[in-house]
PDB file of N, CA and C in Angstrom:
ATOM      1  N   MET A   1     -23.054 -47.529  55.299  1.00  0.00           N
ATOM      2  CA  MET A   1     -24.207 -47.839  54.641  1.00  0.00           C
ATOM      3  C   MET A   1     -24.494 -49.250  54.543  1.00  0.00           C
ATOM      4  N   PRO A   2     -25.687 -49.706  54.878  1.00  0.00           N
ATOM      5  CA  PRO A   2     -25.916 -51.177  54.825  1.00  0.00           C
ATOM      6  C   PRO A   2     -25.796 -51.817  53.492  1.00  0.00           C
ATOM      7  N   LYS A   3     -25.190 -53.041  53.393  1.00  0.00           N
ATOM      8  CA  LYS A   3     -25.024 -53.750  52.154  1.00  0.00           C
ATOM      9  C   LYS A   3     -26.096 -54.889  52.134  1.00  0.00           C
ATOM     10  N   THR A   4     -26.434 -55.443  50.909  1.00  0.00           N
ATOM     11  CA  THR A   4     -27.239 -56.526  50.759  1.00  0.00           C
ATOM     12  C   THR A   4     -26.339 -57.667  50.158  1.00  0.00           C
ATOM     13  N   ILE A   5     -26.656 -58.917  50.599  1.00  0.00           N
ATOM     14  CA  ILE A   5     -26.013 -60.105  50.139  1.00  0.00           C
ATOM     15  C   ILE A   5     -27.159 -61.051  49.615  1.00  0.00           C
ATOM     16  N   GLN A   6     -26.955 -61.509  48.420  1.00  0.00           N
ATOM     17  CA  GLN A   6     -27.860 -62.473  47.853  1.00  0.00           C
ATOM     18  C   GLN A   6     -27.153 -63.824  47.745  1.00  0.00           C
ATOM     19  N   ILE A   7     -27.804 -64.874  48.287  1.00  0.00           N
ATOM     20  CA  ILE A   7     -27.259 -66.288  48.237  1.00  0.00           C
ATOM     21  C   ILE A   7     -28.067 -66.970  47.293  1.00  0.00           C
ATOM     22  N   ARG A   8     -27.403 -67.540  46.180  1.00  0.00           N
ATOM     23  CA  ARG A   8     -28.133 -68.273  45.111  1.00  0.00           C
ATOM     24  C   ARG A   8     -27.978 -69.762  45.226  1.00  0.00           C
ATOM     25  N   ASP A   9     -28.722 -70.547  44.645  1.00  0.00           N
ATOM     26  CA  ASP A   9     -28.707 -71.972  44.471  1.00  0.00           C
ATOM     27  C   ASP A   9     -28.686 -72.711  45.859  1.00  0.00           C
ATOM     28  N   LEU A  10     -29.505 -72.227  46.737  1.00  0.00           N
ATOM     29  CA  LEU A  10     -29.786 -73.035  47.996  1.00  0.00           C
ATOM     30  C   LEU A  10     -30.793 -74.172  47.631  1.00  0.00           C
ATOM     31  N   ASP A  11     -30.377 -75.428  47.856  1.00  0.00           N
ATOM     32  CA  ASP A  11     -31.305 -76.396  47.676  1.00  0.00           C
ATOM     33  C   ASP A  11     -32.567 -76.447  48.555  1.00  0.00           C
ATOM     34  N   ASP A  12     -33.681 -77.048  48.242  1.00  0.00           N
ATOM     35  CA  ASP A  12     -34.836 -77.015  49.031  1.00  0.00           C
ATOM     36  C   ASP A  12     -34.684 -77.445  50.490  1.00  0.00           C
ATOM     37  N   GLU A  13     -33.892 -78.499  50.630  1.00  0.00           N
ATOM     38  CA  GLU A  13     -33.659 -79.043  52.002  1.00  0.00           C
ATOM     39  C   GLU A  13     -33.017 -78.090  52.807  1.00  0.00           C
ATOM     40  N   LEU A  14     -31.931 -77.444  52.364  1.00  0.00           N
ATOM     41  CA  LEU A  14     -31.286 -76.364  53.085  1.00  0.00           C
ATOM     42  C   LEU A  14     -32.121 -75.281  53.437  1.00  0.00           C
ATOM     43  N   TYR A  15     -32.914 -74.799  52.509  1.00  0.00           N
ATOM     44  CA  TYR A  15     -33.731 -73.610  52.829  1.00  0.00           C
ATOM     45  C   TYR A  15     -34.706 -73.989  53.920  1.00  0.00           C
ATOM     46  N   GLU A  16     -35.345 -75.185  53.766  1.00  0.00           N
ATOM     47  CA  GLU A  16     -36.380 -75.631  54.683  1.00  0.00           C
ATOM     48  C   GLU A  16     -35.703 -75.793  56.150  1.00  0.00           C
ATOM     49  N   ALA A  17     -34.455 -76.195  56.186  1.00  0.00           N
ATOM     50  CA  ALA A  17     -33.880 -76.291  57.461  1.00  0.00           C
ATOM     51  C   ALA A  17     -33.707 -74.879  58.130  1.00  0.00           C
ATOM     52  N   LEU A  18     -33.298 -73.889  57.267  1.00  0.00           N
ATOM     53  CA  LEU A  18     -33.087 -72.544  57.689  1.00  0.00           C
ATOM     54  C   LEU A  18     -34.446 -71.976  58.075  1.00  0.00           C
ATOM     55  N   ARG A  19     -35.550 -72.230  57.285  1.00  0.00           N
ATOM     56  CA  ARG A  19     -36.842 -71.729  57.627  1.00  0.00           C
ATOM     57  C   ARG A  19     -37.284 -72.173  59.058  1.00  0.00           C
ATOM     58  N   ARG A  20     -37.100 -73.511  59.177  1.00  0.00           N
ATOM     59  CA  ARG A  20     -37.506 -74.161  60.590  1.00  0.00           C
ATOM     60  C   ARG A  20     -36.785 -73.479  61.630  1.00  0.00           C
ATOM     61  N   ARG A  21     -35.450 -73.236  61.553  1.00  0.00           N
ATOM     62  CA  ARG A  21     -34.604 -72.676  62.610  1.00  0.00           C
ATOM     63  C   ARG A  21     -35.117 -71.264  62.769  1.00  0.00           C
ATOM     64  N   ALA A  22     -35.495 -70.553  61.720  1.00  0.00           N
ATOM     65  CA  ALA A  22     -35.913 -69.137  61.905  1.00  0.00           C
ATOM     66  C   ALA A  22     -37.325 -69.082  62.671  1.00  0.00           C
ATOM     67  N   VAL A  23     -38.282 -70.042  62.227  1.00  0.00           N
ATOM     68  CA  VAL A  23     -39.590 -70.188  62.985  1.00  0.00           C
ATOM     69  C   VAL A  23     -39.327 -70.459  64.370  1.00  0.00           C
ATOM     70  N   GLU A  24     -38.451 -71.387  64.723  1.00  0.00           N
ATOM     71  CA  GLU A  24     -38.172 -71.736  66.157  1.00  0.00           C
ATOM     72  C   GLU A  24     -37.654 -70.465  66.964  1.00  0.00           C
ATOM     73  N   ALA A  25     -36.850 -69.695  66.331  1.00  0.00           N
ATOM     74  CA  ALA A  25     -36.274 -68.376  66.862  1.00  0.00           C
ATOM     75  C   ALA A  25     -37.262 -67.230  66.850  1.00  0.00           C
ATOM     76  N   ARG A  26     -38.419 -67.513  66.130  1.00  0.00           N
ATOM     77  CA  ARG A  26     -39.319 -66.451  65.863  1.00  0.00           C
ATOM     78  C   ARG A  26     -38.817 -65.291  65.103  1.00  0.00           C
ATOM     79  N   LEU A  27     -37.986 -65.611  64.033  1.00  0.00           N
ATOM     80  CA  LEU A  27     -37.316 -64.706  63.172  1.00  0.00           C
ATOM     81  C   LEU A  27     -37.704 -65.058  61.743  1.00  0.00           C
ATOM     82  N   SER A  28     -37.409 -64.069  60.927  1.00  0.00           N
ATOM     83  CA  SER A  28     -37.469 -64.353  59.419  1.00  0.00           C
ATOM     84  C   SER A  28     -36.235 -64.980  59.037  1.00  0.00           C
ATOM     85  N   VAL A  29     -36.197 -65.670  57.862  1.00  0.00           N
ATOM     86  CA  VAL A  29     -34.978 -66.298  57.416  1.00  0.00           C
ATOM     87  C   VAL A  29     -33.823 -65.252  57.126  1.00  0.00           C
ATOM     88  N   PRO A  30     -34.166 -64.062  56.472  1.00  0.00           N
ATOM     89  CA  PRO A  30     -33.099 -63.087  56.377  1.00  0.00           C
ATOM     90  C   PRO A  30     -32.573 -62.572  57.718  1.00  0.00           C
ATOM     91  N   GLU A  31     -33.414 -62.377  58.797  1.00  0.00           N
ATOM     92  CA  GLU A  31     -33.027 -62.009  60.012  1.00  0.00           C
ATOM     93  C   GLU A  31     -32.087 -63.034  60.743  1.00  0.00           C
ATOM     94  N   LEU A  32     -32.535 -64.292  60.489  1.00  0.00           N
ATOM     95  CA  LEU A  32     -31.669 -65.351  61.210  1.00  0.00           C
ATOM     96  C   LEU A  32     -30.185 -65.333  60.472  1.00  0.00           C
ATOM     97  N   LEU A  33     -30.176 -65.295  59.200  1.00  0.00           N
ATOM     98  CA  LEU A  33     -28.919 -65.180  58.447  1.00  0.00           C
ATOM     99  C   LEU A  33     -28.139 -64.018  58.813  1.00  0.00           C
ATOM    100  N   ARG A  34     -28.759 -62.847  58.995  1.00  0.00           N
ATOM    101  CA  ARG A  34     -28.058 -61.654  59.386  1.00  0.00           C
ATOM    102  C   ARG A  34     -27.435 -61.859  60.738  1.00  0.00           C
ATOM    103  N   ARG A  35     -28.154 -62.426  61.737  1.00  0.00           N
ATOM    104  CA  ARG A  35     -27.586 -62.734  63.061  1.00  0.00           C
ATOM    105  C   ARG A  35     -26.348 -63.657  63.076  1.00  0.00           C
ATOM    106  N   GLU A  36     -26.550 -64.726  62.164  1.00  0.00           N
ATOM    107  CA  GLU A  36     -25.478 -65.740  62.005  1.00  0.00           C
ATOM    108  C   GLU A  36     -24.278 -65.062  61.375  1.00  0.00           C
ATOM    109  N   ALA A  37     -24.562 -64.171  60.388  1.00  0.00           N
ATOM    110  CA  ALA A  37     -23.410 -63.425  59.772  1.00  0.00           C
ATOM    111  C   ALA A  37     -22.676 -62.609  60.804  1.00  0.00           C
ATOM    112  N   ILE A  38     -23.413 -61.887  61.753  1.00  0.00           N
ATOM    113  CA  ILE A  38     -22.761 -61.046  62.750  1.00  0.00           C
ATOM    114  C   ILE A  38     -21.887 -62.058  63.623  1.00  0.00           C
ATOM    115  N   ARG A  39     -22.379 -63.204  63.997  1.00  0.00           N
ATOM    116  CA  ARG A  39     -21.645 -64.100  64.836  1.00  0.00           C
ATOM    117  C   ARG A  39     -20.410 -64.534  64.128  1.00  0.00           C
ATOM    118  N   LEU A  40     -20.454 -64.844  62.896  1.00  0.00           N
ATOM    119  CA  LEU A  40     -19.455 -65.338  62.028  1.00  0.00           C
ATOM    120  C   LEU A  40     -18.311 -64.443  61.916  1.00  0.00           C
ATOM    121  N   ALA A  41     -18.744 -63.060  61.699  1.00  0.00           N
ATOM    122  CA  ALA A  41     -17.730 -62.028  61.522  1.00  0.00           C
ATOM    123  C   ALA A  41     -17.077 -61.745  62.837  1.00  0.00           C
ATOM    124  N   ALA A  42     -17.678 -62.026  63.971  1.00  0.00           N
ATOM    125  CA  ALA A  42     -17.063 -61.649  65.345  1.00  0.00           C
ATOM    126  C   ALA A  42     -16.136 -62.745  65.646  1.00  0.00           C
ATOM    127  N   ARG A  43     -16.202 -63.905  65.186  1.00  0.00           N
ATOM    128  CA  ARG A  43     -15.295 -65.000  65.494  1.00  0.00           C
ATOM    129  C   ARG A  43     -13.879 -64.870  64.777  1.00  0.00           C
ATOM    130  N   PRO A  44     -12.832 -65.152  65.450  1.00  0.00           N
ATOM    131  CA  PRO A  44     -11.494 -65.111  64.763  1.00  0.00           C
ATOM    132  C   PRO A  44     -11.375 -66.085  63.823  1.00  0.00           C
ATOM    133  N   THR A  45     -10.490 -65.909  62.829  1.00  0.00           N
ATOM    134  CA  THR A  45     -10.264 -67.013  61.832  1.00  0.00           C
ATOM    135  C   THR A  45      -9.331 -68.034  62.546  1.00  0.00           C
ATOM    136  N   VAL A  46      -9.192 -69.184  61.999  1.00  0.00           N
ATOM    137  CA  VAL A  46      -8.312 -70.182  62.564  1.00  0.00           C
ATOM    138  C   VAL A  46      -6.899 -69.631  62.737  1.00  0.00           C
ATOM    139  N   GLU A  47      -6.359 -68.916  61.696  1.00  0.00           N
ATOM    140  CA  GLU A  47      -5.047 -68.320  61.756  1.00  0.00           C
ATOM    141  C   GLU A  47      -4.955 -67.337  62.865  1.00  0.00           C
ATOM    142  N   GLU A  48      -5.992 -66.445  63.100  1.00  0.00           N
ATOM    143  CA  GLU A  48      -5.905 -65.487  64.156  1.00  0.00           C
ATOM    144  C   GLU A  48      -5.985 -66.162  65.624  1.00  0.00           C
ATOM    145  N   TRP A  49      -6.767 -67.221  65.714  1.00  0.00           N
ATOM    146  CA  TRP A  49      -6.823 -67.942  66.978  1.00  0.00           C
ATOM    147  C   TRP A  49      -5.556 -68.580  67.327  1.00  0.00           C
ATOM    148  N   LEU A  50      -4.880 -69.246  66.266  1.00  0.00           N
ATOM    149  CA  LEU A  50      -3.696 -69.920  66.489  1.00  0.00           C
ATOM    150  C   LEU A  50      -2.590 -68.924  66.859  1.00  0.00           C
ATOM    151  N   ALA A  51      -2.549 -67.789  66.220  1.00  0.00           N
ATOM    152  CA  ALA A  51      -1.569 -66.691  66.487  1.00  0.00           C
ATOM    153  C   ALA A  51      -1.816 -66.212  67.921  1.00  0.00           C
ATOM    154  N   ARG A  52      -2.919 -66.069  68.359  1.00  0.00           N
ATOM    155  CA  ARG A  52      -3.323 -65.546  69.756  1.00  0.00           C
ATOM    156  C   ARG A  52      -2.955 -66.543  70.740  1.00  0.00           C
ATOM    157  N   THR A  53      -3.294 -67.915  70.489  1.00  0.00           N
ATOM    158  CA  THR A  53      -3.134 -68.828  71.487  1.00  0.00           C
ATOM    159  C   THR A  53      -1.712 -69.353  71.583  1.00  0.00           C
ATOM    160  N   SER A  54      -0.926 -69.243  70.591  1.00  0.00           N
ATOM    161  CA  SER A  54       0.383 -69.790  70.520  1.00  0.00           C
ATOM    162  C   SER A  54       1.264 -68.910  71.361  1.00  0.00           C
ATOM    163  N   ARG A  55       0.886 -67.657  71.696  1.00  0.00           N
ATOM    164  CA  ARG A  55       1.759 -66.894  72.501  1.00  0.00           C
ATOM    165  C   ARG A  55       1.695 -67.121  73.963  1.00  0.00           C
ATOM    166  N   ARG A  56       0.663 -67.957  74.335  1.00  0.00           N
ATOM    167  CA  ARG A  56       0.415 -68.267  75.796  1.00  0.00           C
ATOM    168  C   ARG A  56       1.388 -69.262  76.262  1.00  0.00           C
ATOM    169  N   PRO A  57       2.235 -69.059  77.179  1.00  0.00           N
ATOM    170  CA  PRO A  57       3.068 -70.160  77.661  1.00  0.00           C
ATOM    171  C   PRO A  57       2.305 -71.134  78.382  1.00  0.00           C
ATOM    172  N   SER A  58       2.720 -72.422  78.308  1.00  0.00           N
ATOM    173  CA  SER A  58       2.066 -73.518  79.017  1.00  0.00           C
ATOM    174  C   SER A  58       3.020 -74.148  79.975  1.00  0.00           C
ATOM    175  N   ARG A  59       2.561 -74.435  81.174  1.00  0.00           N
ATOM    176  CA  ARG A  59       3.495 -75.192  81.986  1.00  0.00           C
ATOM    177  C   ARG A  59       3.287 -76.764  82.047  1.00  0.00           C
ATOM    178  N   ILE A  60       2.201 -77.174  81.172  1.00  0.00           N
ATOM    179  CA  ILE A  60       1.965 -78.546  81.065  1.00  0.00           C
ATOM    180  C   ILE A  60       2.802 -79.162  79.930  1.00  0.00           C
ATOM    181  N   GLU A  61       3.430 -80.243  80.196  1.00  0.00           N
ATOM    182  CA  GLU A  61       4.258 -80.914  79.266  1.00  0.00           C
ATOM    183  C   GLU A  61       3.362 -81.851  78.346  1.00  0.00           C
ATOM    184  N   ARG A  62       3.825 -82.146  77.182  1.00  0.00           N
ATOM    185  CA  ARG A  62       3.019 -83.072  76.290  1.00  0.00           C
ATOM    186  C   ARG A  62       2.862 -84.451  76.950  1.00  0.00           C
ATOM    187  N   ALA A  63       3.936 -84.850  77.652  1.00  0.00           N
ATOM    188  CA  ALA A  63       3.958 -86.191  78.215  1.00  0.00           C
ATOM    189  C   ALA A  63       2.981 -86.227  79.373  1.00  0.00           C
ATOM    190  N   ASP A  64       2.698 -85.173  80.080  1.00  0.00           N
ATOM    191  CA  ASP A  64       1.738 -85.134  81.159  1.00  0.00           C
ATOM    192  C   ASP A  64       0.325 -85.237  80.501  1.00  0.00           C
ATOM    193  N   VAL A  65       0.103 -84.570  79.387  1.00  0.00           N
ATOM    194  CA  VAL A  65      -1.292 -84.676  78.778  1.00  0.00           C
ATOM    195  C   VAL A  65      -1.380 -86.085  78.214  1.00  0.00           C
ATOM    196  N   LEU A  66      -0.488 -86.872  77.651  1.00  0.00           N
ATOM    197  CA  LEU A  66      -0.597 -88.068  77.133  1.00  0.00           C
ATOM    198  C   LEU A  66      -0.833 -89.070  78.345  1.00  0.00           C
ATOM    199  N   ASP A  67      -0.074 -88.826  79.456  1.00  0.00           N
ATOM    200  CA  ASP A  67      -0.378 -89.780  80.623  1.00  0.00           C
ATOM    201  C   ASP A  67      -1.780 -89.576  81.127  1.00  0.00           C
ATOM    202  N   ALA A  68      -2.321 -88.371  81.231  1.00  0.00           N
ATOM    203  CA  ALA A  68      -3.670 -88.182  81.688  1.00  0.00           C
ATOM    204  C   ALA A  68      -4.687 -88.782  80.784  1.00  0.00           C
ATOM    205  N   LEU A  69      -4.386 -88.725  79.458  1.00  0.00           N
ATOM    206  CA  LEU A  69      -5.396 -89.312  78.437  1.00  0.00           C
ATOM    207  C   LEU A  69      -5.282 -90.879  78.695  1.00  0.00           C
ATOM    208  N   ASP A  70      -4.150 -91.442  78.817  1.00  0.00           N
ATOM    209  CA  ASP A  70      -4.003 -92.965  79.022  1.00  0.00           C
ATOM    210  C   ASP A  70      -4.748 -93.382  80.298  1.00  0.00           C
ATOM    211  N   GLU A  71      -4.642 -92.525  81.335  1.00  0.00           N
ATOM    212  CA  GLU A  71      -5.177 -92.904  82.589  1.00  0.00           C
ATOM    213  C   GLU A  71      -6.711 -92.796  82.427  1.00  0.00           C
ATOM    214  N   SER A  72      -7.297 -91.883  81.757  1.00  0.00           N
ATOM    215  CA  SER A  72      -8.683 -91.667  81.703  1.00  0.00           C
ATOM    216  C   SER A  72      -9.401 -92.716  80.660  1.00  0.00           C
ATOM    217  N   ARG A  73      -8.565 -93.191  79.730  1.00  0.00           N
ATOM    218  CA  ARG A  73      -9.122 -94.094  78.836  1.00  0.00           C
ATOM    219  C   ARG A  73      -9.046 -95.570  79.310  1.00  0.00           C
ATOM    220  N   GLY A  74      -8.196 -95.785  80.260  1.00  0.00           N
ATOM    221  CA  GLY A  74      -8.004 -97.136  80.862  1.00  0.00           C
ATOM    222  C   GLY A  74      -7.119 -97.925  79.987  1.00  0.00           C
ATOM    223  N   GLU A  75      -7.048 -99.218  80.374  1.00  0.00           N
ATOM    224  CA  GLU A  75      -6.094-100.142  79.673  1.00  0.00           C
ATOM    225  C   GLU A  75      -6.623-100.533  78.299  1.00  0.00           C
ATOM    226  N   TRP A  76      -5.727-100.589  77.401  1.00  0.00           N
ATOM    227  CA  TRP A  76      -5.998-100.891  75.941  1.00  0.00           C
ATOM    228  C   TRP A  76      -6.318-102.383  75.801  1.00  0.00           C
ATOM    229  N   PRO A  77      -7.261-102.768  75.021  1.00  0.00           N
ATOM    230  CA  PRO A  77      -7.563-104.264  74.861  1.00  0.00           C
ATOM    231  C   PRO A  77      -6.493-104.912  74.015  1.00  0.00           C
ATOM    232  N   ARG A  78      -6.105-106.058  74.438  1.00  0.00           N
ATOM    233  CA  ARG A  78      -5.007-106.724  73.724  1.00  0.00           C
ATOM    234  C   ARG A  78      -5.526-107.664  72.747  1.00  0.00           C
ATOM    235  N   ALA A  79      -4.750-107.830  71.624  1.00  0.00           N
ATOM    236  CA  ALA A  79      -5.234-108.702  70.587  1.00  0.00           C
ATOM    237  C   ALA A  79      -5.335-110.192  70.961  1.00  0.00           C
ATOM    238  N   ASP A  80      -4.522-110.588  71.766  1.00  0.00           N
ATOM    239  CA  ASP A  80      -4.431-112.034  72.233  1.00  0.00           C
ATOM    240  C   ASP A  80      -5.475-112.408  73.196  1.00  0.00           C
ATOM    241  N   ARG A  81      -6.416-111.621  73.620  1.00  0.00           N
ATOM    242  CA  ARG A  81      -7.369-112.006  74.485  1.00  0.00           C
ATOM    243  C   ARG A  81      -8.587-112.587  73.808  1.00  0.00           C
TER     244      ARG A  81
END
């Protein structure tokens, strides 16, 4: 059975931003929020995501990642220049 959610105390700026997004998407504000709630519910929580990704073995070493970052960033500026 469908449920109803009521959100109270939205300030005018927030509601106006939601209304603009709804207009751009050719939706009503409630329909926009319903779709966003569906997307939010489908996403894993941070804890679920971490549990799922921590099980994947990685062949990349931490030092390799740091070396690649250093290489892409270039040389650090020195204070004595």
